């Protein structure tokens, strides 16, 4: 089994896309912060 390490480099939000397709009050993902590390298989 292969394990993959995923590191969050930055979080961002495209305000134009959020305004067009999102909901009011939409922000960047609050669960992921720069530097977080996740492992997946």
PDB file of N, CA and C in Angstrom:
ATOM      1  N   UNK A   1       0.851  -1.180   0.000  1.00  0.00           N
ATOM      2  CA  UNK A   1       0.000   0.000   0.000  1.00  0.00           C
ATOM      3  C   UNK A   1       0.897   1.243   0.000  1.00  0.00           C
ATOM      4  N   UNK A   2       0.549   2.199  -0.838  1.00  0.00           N
ATOM      5  CA  UNK A   2       1.290   3.452  -0.940  1.00  0.00           C
ATOM      6  C   UNK A   2       0.629   4.495  -0.043  1.00  0.00           C
ATOM      7  N   UNK A   3       1.454   5.210   0.709  1.00  0.00           N
ATOM      8  CA  UNK A   3       0.955   6.282   1.567  1.00  0.00           C
ATOM      9  C   UNK A   3       1.419   7.603   0.976  1.00  0.00           C
ATOM     10  N   UNK A   4       0.519   8.556   0.892  1.00  0.00           N
ATOM     11  CA  UNK A   4       0.815   9.867   0.325  1.00  0.00           C
ATOM     12  C   UNK A   4       0.728  10.910   1.429  1.00  0.00           C
ATOM     13  N   UNK A   5       1.738  11.764   1.504  1.00  0.00           N
ATOM     14  CA  UNK A   5       1.737  12.869   2.467  1.00  0.00           C
ATOM     15  C   UNK A   5       1.279  14.125   1.748  1.00  0.00           C
ATOM     16  N   UNK A   6       0.263  14.787   2.289  1.00  0.00           N
ATOM     17  CA  UNK A   6      -0.284  16.013   1.702  1.00  0.00           C
ATOM     18  C   UNK A   6      -0.070  17.144   2.704  1.00  0.00           C
ATOM     19  N   UNK A   7       0.628  18.189   2.269  1.00  0.00           N
ATOM     20  CA  UNK A   7       0.884  19.342   3.123  1.00  0.00           C
ATOM     21  C   UNK A   7       0.135  20.543   2.556  1.00  0.00           C
ATOM     22  N   UNK A   8      -0.628  21.221   3.399  1.00  0.00           N
ATOM     23  CA  UNK A   8      -1.360  22.423   2.977  1.00  0.00           C
ATOM     24  C   UNK A   8      -0.350  23.563   2.910  1.00  0.00           C
ATOM     25  N   UNK A   9      -0.180  24.134   1.725  1.00  0.00           N
ATOM     26  CA  UNK A   9       0.764  25.232   1.544  1.00  0.00           C
ATOM     27  C   UNK A   9       0.130  26.584   1.835  1.00  0.00           C
ATOM     28  N   UNK A  10      -1.105  26.752   1.404  1.00  0.00           N
ATOM     29  CA  UNK A  10      -1.830  27.992   1.669  1.00  0.00           C
ATOM     30  C   UNK A  10      -3.321  27.747   1.466  1.00  0.00           C
ATOM     31  N   UNK A  11      -4.122  28.613   2.004  1.00  0.00           N
ATOM     32  CA  UNK A  11      -5.557  28.575   1.747  1.00  0.00           C
ATOM     33  C   UNK A  11      -5.923  29.880   1.057  1.00  0.00           C
ATOM     34  N   UNK A  12      -6.871  29.812   0.167  1.00  0.00           N
ATOM     35  CA  UNK A  12      -7.274  31.023  -0.552  1.00  0.00           C
ATOM     36  C   UNK A  12      -8.746  30.923  -0.921  1.00  0.00           C
ATOM     37  N   UNK A  13      -9.279  32.028  -1.342  1.00  0.00           N
ATOM     38  CA  UNK A  13     -10.669  32.084  -1.773  1.00  0.00           C
ATOM     39  C   UNK A  13     -10.755  33.063  -2.931  1.00  0.00           C
ATOM     40  N   UNK A  14     -11.273  32.604  -4.061  1.00  0.00           N
ATOM     41  CA  UNK A  14     -11.476  33.469  -5.211  1.00  0.00           C
ATOM     42  C   UNK A  14     -12.803  34.199  -4.996  1.00  0.00           C
ATOM     43  N   UNK A  15     -12.729  35.460  -4.612  1.00  0.00           N
ATOM     44  CA  UNK A  15     -13.931  36.212  -4.240  1.00  0.00           C
ATOM     45  C   UNK A  15     -14.916  36.359  -5.389  1.00  0.00           C
ATOM     46  N   UNK A  16     -14.411  36.481  -6.624  1.00  0.00           N
ATOM     47  CA  UNK A  16     -15.311  36.607  -7.774  1.00  0.00           C
ATOM     48  C   UNK A  16     -16.103  35.324  -7.987  1.00  0.00           C
ATOM     49  N   UNK A  17     -15.426  34.166  -7.920  1.00  0.00           N
ATOM     50  CA  UNK A  17     -16.139  32.892  -8.070  1.00  0.00           C
ATOM     51  C   UNK A  17     -17.093  32.656  -6.914  1.00  0.00           C
ATOM     52  N   UNK A  18     -16.676  33.000  -5.699  1.00  0.00           N
ATOM     53  CA  UNK A  18     -17.543  32.815  -4.536  1.00  0.00           C
ATOM     54  C   UNK A  18     -18.799  33.668  -4.661  1.00  0.00           C
ATOM     55  N   UNK A  19     -18.633  34.883  -5.162  1.00  0.00           N
ATOM     56  CA  UNK A  19     -19.796  35.770  -5.333  1.00  0.00           C
ATOM     57  C   UNK A  19     -20.752  35.222  -6.391  1.00  0.00           C
ATOM     58  N   UNK A  20     -20.187  34.603  -7.434  1.00  0.00           N
ATOM     59  CA  UNK A  20     -21.021  34.106  -8.525  1.00  0.00           C
ATOM     60  C   UNK A  20     -21.673  32.762  -8.207  1.00  0.00           C
ATOM     61  N   UNK A  21     -20.929  31.850  -7.586  1.00  0.00           N
ATOM     62  CA  UNK A  21     -21.427  30.483  -7.399  1.00  0.00           C
ATOM     63  C   UNK A  21     -21.646  30.087  -5.938  1.00  0.00           C
ATOM     64  N   UNK A  22     -21.142  30.851  -5.008  1.00  0.00           N
ATOM     65  CA  UNK A  22     -21.213  30.471  -3.605  1.00  0.00           C
ATOM     66  C   UNK A  22     -22.443  31.015  -2.912  1.00  0.00           C
ATOM     67  N   UNK A  23     -22.387  30.960  -1.596  1.00  0.00           N
ATOM     68  CA  UNK A  23     -23.468  31.489  -0.772  1.00  0.00           C
ATOM     69  C   UNK A  23     -22.942  32.697  -0.004  1.00  0.00           C
ATOM     70  N   UNK A  24     -23.833  33.509   0.526  1.00  0.00           N
ATOM     71  CA  UNK A  24     -23.408  34.671   1.310  1.00  0.00           C
ATOM     72  C   UNK A  24     -22.584  34.220   2.509  1.00  0.00           C
ATOM     73  N   UNK A  25     -21.491  34.927   2.776  1.00  0.00           N
ATOM     74  CA  UNK A  25     -20.659  34.615   3.931  1.00  0.00           C
ATOM     75  C   UNK A  25     -19.632  33.523   3.686  1.00  0.00           C
ATOM     76  N   UNK A  26     -19.486  33.052   2.451  1.00  0.00           N
ATOM     77  CA  UNK A  26     -18.529  31.995   2.136  1.00  0.00           C
ATOM     78  C   UNK A  26     -17.103  32.489   2.364  1.00  0.00           C
ATOM     79  N   UNK A  27     -16.288  31.685   3.045  1.00  0.00           N
ATOM     80  CA  UNK A  27     -14.891  32.038   3.310  1.00  0.00           C
ATOM     81  C   UNK A  27     -14.003  30.851   2.947  1.00  0.00           C
ATOM     82  N   UNK A  28     -12.693  31.049   3.047  1.00  0.00           N
ATOM     83  CA  UNK A  28     -11.747  29.953   2.831  1.00  0.00           C
ATOM     84  C   UNK A  28     -12.030  28.863   3.862  1.00  0.00           C
ATOM     85  N   UNK A  29     -11.674  27.628   3.543  1.00  0.00           N
ATOM     86  CA  UNK A  29     -11.955  26.494   4.424  1.00  0.00           C
ATOM     87  C   UNK A  29     -11.379  26.730   5.821  1.00  0.00           C
ATOM     88  N   UNK A  30     -12.204  26.752   6.853  1.00  0.00           N
ATOM     89  CA  UNK A  30     -11.715  27.009   8.206  1.00  0.00           C
ATOM     90  C   UNK A  30     -11.044  25.790   8.841  1.00  0.00           C
ATOM     91  N   UNK A  31     -11.158  24.629   8.207  1.00  0.00           N
ATOM     92  CA  UNK A  31     -10.601  23.409   8.802  1.00  0.00           C
ATOM     93  C   UNK A  31      -9.147  23.181   8.411  1.00  0.00           C
ATOM     94  N   UNK A  32      -8.672  23.819   7.357  1.00  0.00           N
ATOM     95  CA  UNK A  32      -7.302  23.609   6.894  1.00  0.00           C
ATOM     96  C   UNK A  32      -6.495  24.878   7.072  1.00  0.00           C
ATOM     97  N   UNK A  33      -5.334  24.743   7.667  1.00  0.00           N
ATOM     98  CA  UNK A  33      -4.425  25.863   7.881  1.00  0.00           C
ATOM     99  C   UNK A  33      -3.101  25.559   7.196  1.00  0.00           C
ATOM    100  N   UNK A  34      -2.398  26.593   6.767  1.00  0.00           N
ATOM    101  CA  UNK A  34      -1.083  26.403   6.149  1.00  0.00           C
ATOM    102  C   UNK A  34      -0.179  25.634   7.109  1.00  0.00           C
ATOM    103  N   UNK A  35       0.483  24.610   6.595  1.00  0.00           N
ATOM    104  CA  UNK A  35       1.374  23.793   7.407  1.00  0.00           C
ATOM    105  C   UNK A  35       0.749  22.502   7.899  1.00  0.00           C
ATOM    106  N   UNK A  36      -0.574  22.355   7.800  1.00  0.00           N
ATOM    107  CA  UNK A  36      -1.229  21.105   8.195  1.00  0.00           C
ATOM    108  C   UNK A  36      -0.731  19.972   7.308  1.00  0.00           C
ATOM    109  N   UNK A  37      -0.585  18.791   7.892  1.00  0.00           N
ATOM    110  CA  UNK A  37      -0.120  17.623   7.155  1.00  0.00           C
ATOM    111  C   UNK A  37      -1.166  16.516   7.272  1.00  0.00           C
ATOM    112  N   UNK A  38      -1.486  15.906   6.142  1.00  0.00           N
ATOM    113  CA  UNK A  38      -2.441  14.803   6.100  1.00  0.00           C
ATOM    114  C   UNK A  38      -1.793  13.627   5.384  1.00  0.00           C
ATOM    115  N   UNK A  39      -2.194  12.421   5.736  1.00  0.00           N
ATOM    116  CA  UNK A  39      -1.703  11.215   5.082  1.00  0.00           C
ATOM    117  C   UNK A  39      -2.891  10.462   4.486  1.00  0.00           C
ATOM    118  N   UNK A  40      -2.725   9.969   3.268  1.00  0.00           N
ATOM    119  CA  UNK A  40      -3.789   9.239   2.601  1.00  0.00           C
ATOM    120  C   UNK A  40      -3.194   7.969   1.999  1.00  0.00           C
ATOM    121  N   UNK A  41      -4.017   6.972   1.823  1.00  0.00           N
ATOM    122  CA  UNK A  41      -3.556   5.740   1.166  1.00  0.00           C
ATOM    123  C   UNK A  41      -4.446   5.382   0.004  1.00  0.00           C
TER     124      UNK A  41
END
